[in-house]
Amino acid sequence: MGKAKIKIDKNLFERIKKYAGIAGYSSPEEFITHCLEKEVAKLDEAESEEEIKKKLQGLGYIS
């Protein structure tokens, strides 16, 4: 599987490192990947673009 780079605010990344360690993840990247996979899985369940938009609104990602 290929990898992509993203930029994350330094303060947020420090919090991620803290929580990843507490939760027992091997790295902050593993923790981030797990969190994103869970959120995207919620969207994968949608059957239409409109349903995806409603889910994103419900999660607070779009208004």
Protein backbone atom coordinates (compact mmCIF):
# COMPACT_ATOMS: atom_id res chain seq x y z
CA MET A 1 0.00 0.00 0.00
CA GLY A 2 1.33 3.43 -0.90
CA LYS A 3 1.61 6.27 1.55
CA ALA A 4 0.72 9.94 1.26
CA LYS A 5 1.94 12.84 3.34
CA ILE A 6 -0.34 15.34 5.02
CA LYS A 7 0.36 18.36 7.18
CA ILE A 8 -1.05 18.47 10.70
CA ASP A 9 -0.86 21.38 13.10
CA LYS A 10 2.04 20.83 15.50
CA ASN A 11 -0.11 21.24 18.62
CA LEU A 12 -2.63 18.72 17.32
CA PHE A 13 0.15 16.29 16.49
CA GLU A 14 1.50 16.57 20.04
CA ARG A 15 -1.94 15.66 21.38
CA ILE A 16 -2.16 12.76 18.93
CA LYS A 17 1.23 11.45 20.09
CA LYS A 18 0.06 11.60 23.71
CA TYR A 19 -3.19 9.73 23.05
CA ALA A 20 -1.57 7.21 20.73
CA GLY A 21 0.88 6.29 23.47
CA ILE A 22 -1.84 6.01 26.12
CA ALA A 23 -3.94 3.81 23.83
CA GLY A 24 -1.00 1.53 23.04
CA TYR A 25 -0.55 2.32 19.36
CA SER A 26 2.93 1.72 17.98
CA SER A 27 3.06 5.22 16.46
CA PRO A 28 1.01 8.38 16.04
CA GLU A 29 0.63 7.44 12.36
CA GLU A 30 -0.99 4.13 13.30
CA PHE A 31 -3.42 5.96 15.60
CA ILE A 32 -4.27 8.53 12.92
CA THR A 33 -4.83 5.80 10.33
CA HIS A 34 -7.15 3.92 12.68
CA CYS A 35 -9.17 7.07 13.47
CA LEU A 36 -9.52 7.98 9.81
CA GLU A 37 -10.49 4.43 8.84
CA LYS A 38 -13.28 4.49 11.43
CA GLU A 39 -14.63 7.82 10.20
CA VAL A 40 -14.46 6.86 6.53
CA ALA A 41 -16.19 3.54 7.28
CA LYS A 42 -19.17 5.53 8.56
CA LEU A 43 -19.35 7.27 5.19
CA ASP A 44 -18.89 4.02 3.24
CA GLU A 45 -22.21 2.85 4.63
CA ALA A 46 -24.06 5.67 2.85
CA GLU A 47 -26.02 4.71 -0.24
CA SER A 48 -26.09 8.09 -1.98
CA GLU A 49 -24.15 11.33 -2.22
CA GLU A 50 -26.98 13.10 -0.36
CA GLU A 51 -26.73 10.61 2.50
CA ILE A 52 -22.96 11.16 2.62
CA LYS A 53 -23.52 14.92 2.88
CA LYS A 54 -25.99 14.39 5.73
CA LYS A 55 -23.52 12.17 7.56
CA LEU A 56 -20.73 14.72 7.11
CA GLN A 57 -23.02 17.43 8.45
CA GLY A 58 -23.97 15.24 11.40
CA LEU A 59 -20.29 14.68 12.17
CA GLY A 60 -19.66 18.42 11.97
CA TYR A 61 -17.36 18.30 8.93
CA ILE A 62 -19.57 20.48 6.73
CA SER A 63 -22.32 22.97 7.49
